[in-house]
Amino acid sequence: MSAQDRTLDHYQELMTINATSHVLRTGRELGLFDALLEGQKTLEVLAERTGLPESRLLLLLRPLTSVGIIEKYAEDYAISSVARLLCQYDADLGDAVWKNASAALKSESQSSVDTDVPQSRFDSIAATQWVHTPAAMQAAEILDFGPTPAEDGSEEGEGTVLSSEESEPQTLLDLGCGSAVWSCAAAHRDPLLRVTLVDHPGALEAAMATANSIELGDRFESIEGDALTAELPEGQFDHVLIAQRLNSYSPDQIRLMLQRATSAVKPGGRVIVIDSFEGPNRPSLAESIEALRIGIETEGGAVPELKEAQERMKDAGLESIQFTFIAASRVGLGLMTGIKP
């Protein structure tokens, strides 16, 4: 394929992406999705509901079927599973965020600890955090949560351990828990792990619902309050987890969060950060869009380079900093850990 052919293909691809977004919006504005959420319907019924002639409605239904938003069964049309997710969690296709992109990018990034906390972003993350369940399970495995082999290798031991001397059940503080998908994955793997959640009331309600849905609720407790300011026990936890949160804060707020995490963890315990990181390779489109979204939705947030993220952990008093990308993550999330000496 010649360079000119590749250019033309890329042009067509970009135009198709843009057209697809407008097709989705048109379906939403005409009430097509609302009608199909009620159940399967024929072309005749949909034409009546949308006020379009059948021939014109078909022009819209065909591309929506091609991209998997609508499914066709004989004479009936039905909404797809992915469209149900869009209607439930992103009914406006993210327009509320992206329509402010130009103005947001022109504003100066803030660094102060008093920078406004982007609660709407945290709420959005919590509402859809369950989509990261496969990545959370993989992260829990990478972090060695779960039963450890007995010394003779004949059977499993009991629960995660950080050292051979440790015998008590491990404890984890989920600082800014959202819907607690990440800490629930750890507790699912380790049958003895006890988890303390910290967040606002709405997030705590969602987090406990997540834990109870997989019968883990009896090992979860909560502290109501802002992750930046809520009073925390000092030196009581084996693990402190900050998941999908740190990058949304300003630099000074990040330093404060890491200091709070380090203070809360026991000597020899670890602080775990799960978020986006800028690695040595060119970021994917999904990773680039996530970085842009952080820049638009927050006043001081950003995706850090790996070296910068490591230095922040060291400045908080942590040692033995380790990092890995989470292969199962659809948006390129990674995890970084540090040990409190």
Protein backbone atom coordinates (compact mmCIF):
# COMPACT_ATOMS: atom_id res chain seq x y z
CA MET A 1 0.00 0.00 0.00
CA SER A 2 1.39 3.38 -0.99
CA ALA A 3 1.75 6.36 1.34
CA GLN A 4 -1.06 8.08 -0.55
CA ASP A 5 -3.37 5.10 -0.03
CA ARG A 6 -2.61 5.09 3.71
CA THR A 7 -3.35 8.81 3.89
CA LEU A 8 -6.68 8.36 2.12
CA ASP A 9 -7.60 5.40 4.33
CA HIS A 10 -6.77 7.41 7.45
CA TYR A 11 -8.83 10.33 6.18
CA GLN A 12 -11.81 8.08 5.57
CA GLU A 13 -11.39 6.48 9.00
CA LEU A 14 -11.43 9.87 10.76
CA MET A 15 -14.47 11.03 8.81
CA THR A 16 -16.27 7.78 9.67
CA ILE A 17 -15.47 8.19 13.38
CA ASN A 18 -16.85 11.72 13.34
CA ALA A 19 -19.95 10.69 11.39
CA THR A 20 -20.59 7.80 13.79
CA SER A 21 -20.64 10.15 16.78
CA HIS A 22 -23.24 12.30 15.00
CA VAL A 23 -25.30 9.23 14.11
CA LEU A 24 -25.41 8.27 17.80
CA ARG A 25 -26.48 11.77 18.78
CA THR A 26 -29.19 11.80 16.14
CA GLY A 27 -30.59 8.51 17.44
CA ARG A 28 -30.62 9.91 20.96
CA GLU A 29 -32.22 13.23 19.98
CA LEU A 30 -34.99 11.51 18.01
CA GLY A 31 -35.91 9.34 20.99
CA LEU A 32 -34.95 6.15 19.16
CA PHE A 33 -32.94 4.73 22.05
CA ASP A 34 -35.63 5.57 24.60
CA ALA A 35 -38.18 3.71 22.50
CA LEU A 36 -35.98 0.61 22.18
CA LEU A 37 -35.15 0.59 25.89
CA GLU A 38 -38.82 -0.33 26.38
CA GLY A 39 -38.35 -3.46 24.25
CA GLN A 40 -38.07 -4.70 20.66
CA LYS A 41 -40.06 -2.78 18.07
CA THR A 42 -40.82 -2.97 14.36
CA LEU A 43 -39.83 -0.36 11.82
CA GLU A 44 -43.44 0.80 11.64
CA VAL A 45 -43.67 1.39 15.39
CA LEU A 46 -40.29 3.15 15.51
CA ALA A 47 -41.29 5.41 12.64
CA GLU A 48 -44.40 6.40 14.56
CA ARG A 49 -42.41 7.04 17.77
CA THR A 50 -39.71 9.13 16.08
CA GLY A 51 -41.98 10.93 13.63
CA LEU A 52 -39.85 9.88 10.65
CA PRO A 53 -40.95 8.26 7.39
CA GLU A 54 -39.92 4.60 7.37
CA SER A 55 -37.57 5.12 4.42
CA ARG A 56 -35.76 7.96 6.22
CA LEU A 57 -35.60 6.04 9.50
CA LEU A 58 -33.95 3.12 7.70
CA LEU A 59 -31.11 5.43 6.68
CA LEU A 60 -30.39 5.94 10.39
CA LEU A 61 -31.01 2.37 11.54
CA ARG A 62 -28.50 0.84 9.13
CA PRO A 63 -25.36 2.62 10.41
CA LEU A 64 -26.54 2.18 14.01
CA THR A 65 -26.81 -1.56 13.31
CA SER A 66 -23.39 -1.62 11.64
CA VAL A 67 -21.68 -0.16 14.72
CA GLY A 68 -23.52 -2.53 17.09
CA ILE A 69 -25.77 0.00 18.81
CA ILE A 70 -28.96 -1.56 17.45
CA GLU A 71 -29.58 -5.22 16.61
CA LYS A 72 -32.10 -6.60 14.10
CA TYR A 73 -34.09 -9.80 14.61
CA ALA A 74 -36.35 -10.63 11.65
CA GLU A 75 -38.74 -7.66 11.52
CA ASP A 76 -37.86 -6.32 14.97
CA TYR A 77 -35.16 -3.93 16.13
CA ALA A 78 -33.61 -4.10 19.60
CA ILE A 79 -31.09 -2.06 21.54
CA SER A 80 -27.73 -3.76 22.12
CA SER A 81 -25.98 -4.36 25.44
CA VAL A 82 -23.38 -1.67 24.76
CA ALA A 83 -26.14 0.83 23.95
CA ARG A 84 -27.80 0.03 27.28
CA LEU A 85 -24.54 0.94 29.01
CA LEU A 86 -24.36 4.20 27.08
CA CYS A 87 -27.93 5.08 27.98
CA GLN A 88 -27.36 4.26 31.64
CA TYR A 89 -23.94 5.83 32.26
CA ASP A 90 -23.10 8.11 29.30
CA ALA A 91 -26.42 9.11 27.82
CA ASP A 92 -24.94 12.37 26.52
CA LEU A 93 -21.90 10.55 25.04
CA GLY A 94 -19.64 12.66 27.25
CA ASP A 95 -20.85 15.93 25.72
CA ALA A 96 -21.07 17.61 29.14
CA VAL A 97 -17.29 17.19 29.44
CA TRP A 98 -16.13 17.70 25.87
CA LYS A 99 -18.19 20.81 25.11
CA ASN A 100 -16.03 22.66 27.66
CA ALA A 101 -12.73 21.44 26.21
CA SER A 102 -11.66 24.68 24.51
CA ALA A 103 -12.30 26.86 27.55
CA ALA A 104 -10.75 24.34 29.95
CA LEU A 105 -7.54 24.04 27.93
CA LYS A 106 -7.10 27.82 27.93
CA SER A 107 -7.20 27.99 31.73
CA GLU A 108 -4.02 27.82 33.81
CA SER A 109 -3.29 24.58 35.63
CA GLN A 110 -3.42 24.96 39.42
CA SER A 111 -0.91 23.47 41.87
CA SER A 112 -2.19 24.57 45.29
CA VAL A 113 -3.49 22.23 47.94
CA ASP A 114 -6.60 24.46 47.94
CA THR A 115 -7.39 23.67 44.29
CA ASP A 116 -11.04 22.67 43.85
CA VAL A 117 -11.49 18.91 44.11
CA PRO A 118 -13.18 17.57 40.95
CA GLN A 119 -15.95 15.68 42.76
CA SER A 120 -18.01 15.30 39.58
CA ARG A 121 -15.09 13.42 38.01
CA PHE A 122 -14.77 11.14 41.04
CA ASP A 123 -18.52 10.48 40.94
CA SER A 124 -18.30 9.59 37.24
CA ILE A 125 -15.40 7.21 37.87
CA ALA A 126 -17.27 5.54 40.74
CA ALA A 127 -20.39 5.05 38.61
CA THR A 128 -18.51 3.12 35.92
CA GLN A 129 -15.63 1.65 37.92
CA TRP A 130 -17.07 -1.85 37.59
CA VAL A 131 -15.85 -1.93 33.98
CA HIS A 132 -12.33 -2.25 35.43
CA THR A 133 -13.14 -5.53 37.20
CA PRO A 134 -10.85 -7.69 34.98
CA ALA A 135 -8.00 -5.23 35.50
CA ALA A 136 -8.69 -5.15 39.24
CA MET A 137 -8.52 -8.94 39.48
CA GLN A 138 -5.24 -8.94 37.56
CA ALA A 139 -3.86 -6.18 39.79
CA ALA A 140 -4.78 -8.16 42.91
CA GLU A 141 -2.88 -11.12 41.50
CA ILE A 142 0.15 -8.99 40.60
CA LEU A 143 0.13 -7.58 44.13
CA ASP A 144 0.13 -11.12 45.58
CA PHE A 145 -3.16 -10.82 47.41
CA GLY A 146 -4.56 -14.24 48.13
CA PRO A 147 -3.74 -17.48 49.90
CA THR A 148 -0.06 -18.32 50.09
CA PRO A 149 1.24 -21.89 49.68
CA ALA A 150 1.96 -23.87 52.81
CA GLU A 151 5.62 -24.59 53.50
CA ASP A 152 5.37 -28.16 52.25
CA GLY A 153 3.51 -27.02 49.13
CA SER A 154 0.72 -29.50 49.81
CA GLU A 155 -2.06 -27.01 50.46
CA GLU A 156 -2.82 -23.33 50.61
CA GLY A 157 -1.98 -21.22 53.61
CA GLU A 158 -4.17 -18.45 54.97
CA GLY A 159 -4.13 -15.04 53.35
CA THR A 160 -1.71 -12.47 52.03
CA VAL A 161 1.52 -11.93 53.91
CA LEU A 162 4.20 -9.26 53.54
CA SER A 163 6.78 -11.19 55.55
CA SER A 164 7.24 -14.69 56.89
CA GLU A 165 6.70 -13.44 60.46
CA GLU A 166 3.26 -11.99 59.68
CA SER A 167 0.40 -14.21 60.78
CA GLU A 168 -2.50 -11.84 61.52
CA PRO A 169 -5.07 -11.05 58.79
CA GLN A 170 -3.89 -8.21 56.56
CA THR A 171 -5.57 -4.79 56.55
CA LEU A 172 -6.10 -2.44 53.62
CA LEU A 173 -7.13 1.23 53.59
CA ASP A 174 -8.88 2.21 50.34
CA LEU A 175 -8.32 5.98 50.33
CA GLY A 176 -10.90 7.57 48.03
CA CYS A 177 -12.54 4.24 47.31
CA GLY A 178 -15.15 5.16 44.70
CA SER A 179 -17.20 2.00 44.24
CA ALA A 180 -14.33 -0.09 45.69
CA VAL A 181 -13.82 -2.36 42.68
CA TRP A 182 -10.06 -2.50 43.29
CA SER A 183 -10.19 -3.27 47.01
CA CYS A 184 -13.02 -5.76 46.47
CA ALA A 185 -10.80 -7.64 44.02
CA ALA A 186 -8.07 -7.83 46.67
CA ALA A 187 -10.54 -9.01 49.32
CA HIS A 188 -11.99 -11.55 46.90
CA ARG A 189 -8.55 -13.11 46.43
CA ASP A 190 -7.57 -12.93 50.10
CA PRO A 191 -10.30 -14.51 52.28
CA LEU A 192 -8.90 -12.86 55.44
CA LEU A 193 -8.17 -9.34 54.21
CA ARG A 194 -10.02 -6.61 56.09
CA VAL A 195 -10.75 -3.35 54.25
CA THR A 196 -11.43 0.18 55.48
CA LEU A 197 -13.03 2.52 52.95
CA VAL A 198 -12.69 6.31 52.91
CA ASP A 199 -14.91 8.54 50.75
CA HIS A 200 -18.07 10.64 50.64
CA PRO A 201 -21.42 9.05 51.62
CA GLY A 202 -22.60 8.34 48.07
CA ALA A 203 -19.38 6.56 47.16
CA LEU A 204 -19.39 4.58 50.41
CA GLU A 205 -22.92 3.41 49.68
CA ALA A 206 -21.85 2.23 46.22
CA ALA A 207 -18.71 0.61 47.64
CA MET A 208 -20.60 -1.35 50.29
CA ALA A 209 -23.11 -2.43 47.65
CA THR A 210 -20.21 -3.77 45.59
CA ALA A 211 -18.77 -5.63 48.58
CA ASN A 212 -22.14 -7.04 49.63
CA SER A 213 -22.92 -8.19 46.09
CA ILE A 214 -20.00 -10.63 46.28
CA GLU A 215 -20.60 -11.48 49.96
CA LEU A 216 -17.58 -9.60 51.30
CA GLY A 217 -19.39 -6.89 53.24
CA ASP A 218 -18.66 -8.35 56.67
CA ARG A 219 -14.95 -7.61 56.16
CA PHE A 220 -15.49 -3.98 55.12
CA GLU A 221 -15.87 -0.88 57.29
CA SER A 222 -15.85 2.79 56.38
CA ILE A 223 -14.71 6.27 57.33
CA GLU A 224 -16.94 9.01 55.94
CA GLY A 225 -15.13 12.08 54.63
CA ASP A 226 -12.93 13.61 51.96
CA ALA A 227 -9.85 11.55 51.13
CA LEU A 228 -7.73 14.70 51.51
CA THR A 229 -8.98 15.71 54.94
CA ALA A 230 -10.70 12.82 56.75
CA GLU A 231 -9.00 11.83 59.99
CA LEU A 232 -7.10 8.55 59.54
CA PRO A 233 -5.50 6.14 62.01
CA GLU A 234 -1.70 6.30 61.92
CA GLY A 235 0.49 3.30 61.21
CA GLN A 236 -2.35 0.76 61.35
CA PHE A 237 -2.65 -0.65 57.83
CA ASP A 238 -0.61 -3.20 55.92
CA HIS A 239 -1.65 -1.66 52.60
CA VAL A 240 -2.97 1.76 51.58
CA LEU A 241 -4.59 1.89 48.15
CA ILE A 242 -5.18 5.04 46.07
CA ALA A 243 -6.94 3.94 42.88
CA GLN A 244 -7.97 6.11 39.90
CA ARG A 245 -7.75 9.26 41.99
CA LEU A 246 -4.26 10.70 42.35
CA ASN A 247 -3.97 12.08 38.80
CA SER A 248 -7.07 14.22 39.30
CA TYR A 249 -5.44 16.23 42.08
CA SER A 250 -3.09 19.21 41.89
CA PRO A 251 0.63 18.59 42.60
CA ASP A 252 0.33 19.86 46.19
CA GLN A 253 -2.74 17.71 46.78
CA ILE A 254 -0.89 14.67 45.42
CA ARG A 255 1.94 15.26 47.88
CA LEU A 256 -0.59 15.53 50.70
CA MET A 257 -2.37 12.32 49.65
CA LEU A 258 0.88 10.36 49.51
CA GLN A 259 1.96 11.75 52.89
CA ARG A 260 -1.38 10.70 54.38
CA ALA A 261 -1.07 7.25 52.85
CA THR A 262 2.47 6.84 54.17
CA SER A 263 1.41 7.97 57.63
CA ALA A 264 -1.48 5.48 57.69
CA VAL A 265 0.56 2.44 56.63
CA LYS A 266 2.59 0.31 59.04
CA PRO A 267 6.39 0.18 58.83
CA GLY A 268 7.08 -2.52 56.27
CA GLY A 269 3.65 -2.00 54.70
CA ARG A 270 3.06 -0.70 51.21
CA VAL A 271 1.32 2.16 49.46
CA ILE A 272 -0.34 1.16 46.17
CA VAL A 273 -1.21 3.70 43.48
CA ILE A 274 -3.35 2.59 40.53
CA ASP A 275 -3.77 5.19 37.81
CA SER A 276 -2.60 6.30 34.37
CA PHE A 277 1.13 6.76 33.84
CA GLU A 278 3.12 8.11 30.91
CA GLY A 279 5.51 5.33 29.93
CA PRO A 280 8.38 5.27 27.43
CA ASN A 281 6.20 4.19 24.51
CA ARG A 282 3.85 6.32 22.46
CA PRO A 283 0.46 6.40 24.23
CA SER A 284 -2.52 4.74 22.60
CA LEU A 285 -5.53 6.78 21.51
CA ALA A 286 -7.44 5.65 24.63
CA GLU A 287 -4.54 6.72 26.88
CA SER A 288 -4.19 10.08 25.13
CA ILE A 289 -7.90 10.79 25.40
CA GLU A 290 -7.87 9.90 29.11
CA ALA A 291 -4.98 12.33 29.67
CA LEU A 292 -6.89 15.02 27.78
CA ARG A 293 -10.04 14.31 29.77
CA ILE A 294 -8.14 14.73 33.05
CA GLY A 295 -6.83 18.07 31.78
CA ILE A 296 -10.35 19.20 30.92
CA GLU A 297 -12.19 17.93 34.01
CA THR A 298 -9.66 19.03 36.64
CA GLU A 299 -7.94 22.29 37.55
CA GLY A 300 -4.56 20.79 38.34
CA GLY A 301 -4.57 17.11 37.38
CA ALA A 302 -2.30 15.42 34.85
CA VAL A 303 -0.87 12.04 33.87
CA PRO A 304 2.69 11.91 35.25
CA GLU A 305 5.77 10.48 33.62
CA LEU A 306 7.00 7.34 35.38
CA LYS A 307 10.10 9.07 36.75
CA GLU A 308 8.01 11.90 38.19
CA ALA A 309 5.58 9.45 39.81
CA GLN A 310 8.47 7.49 41.32
CA GLU A 311 10.03 10.66 42.74
CA ARG A 312 6.74 11.59 44.37
CA MET A 313 6.63 8.23 46.11
CA LYS A 314 10.22 8.66 47.32
CA ASP A 315 9.51 12.19 48.53
CA ALA A 316 6.67 10.75 50.63
CA GLY A 317 9.21 8.54 52.41
CA LEU A 318 8.60 5.30 50.51
CA GLU A 319 11.28 2.90 49.33
CA SER A 320 11.63 -0.03 46.90
CA ILE A 321 9.39 1.66 44.32
CA GLN A 322 8.08 -0.78 41.71
CA PHE A 323 5.84 -0.29 38.68
CA THR A 324 3.99 -2.36 36.12
CA PHE A 325 1.28 -1.70 33.57
CA ILE A 326 -1.92 -3.73 34.02
CA ALA A 327 -2.30 -5.66 30.78
CA ALA A 328 -6.02 -6.26 31.32
CA SER A 329 -6.77 -2.53 31.55
CA ARG A 330 -8.64 -1.13 28.55
CA VAL A 331 -7.29 2.37 29.20
CA GLY A 332 -3.66 1.54 29.98
CA LEU A 333 -3.77 1.79 33.77
CA GLY A 334 -0.69 0.84 35.74
CA LEU A 335 0.19 0.25 39.37
CA MET A 336 3.06 1.61 41.43
CA THR A 337 4.00 0.42 44.90
CA GLY A 338 6.33 1.67 47.59
CA ILE A 339 7.31 0.25 50.98
CA LYS A 340 7.37 2.30 54.19
CA PRO A 341 10.71 1.70 55.93
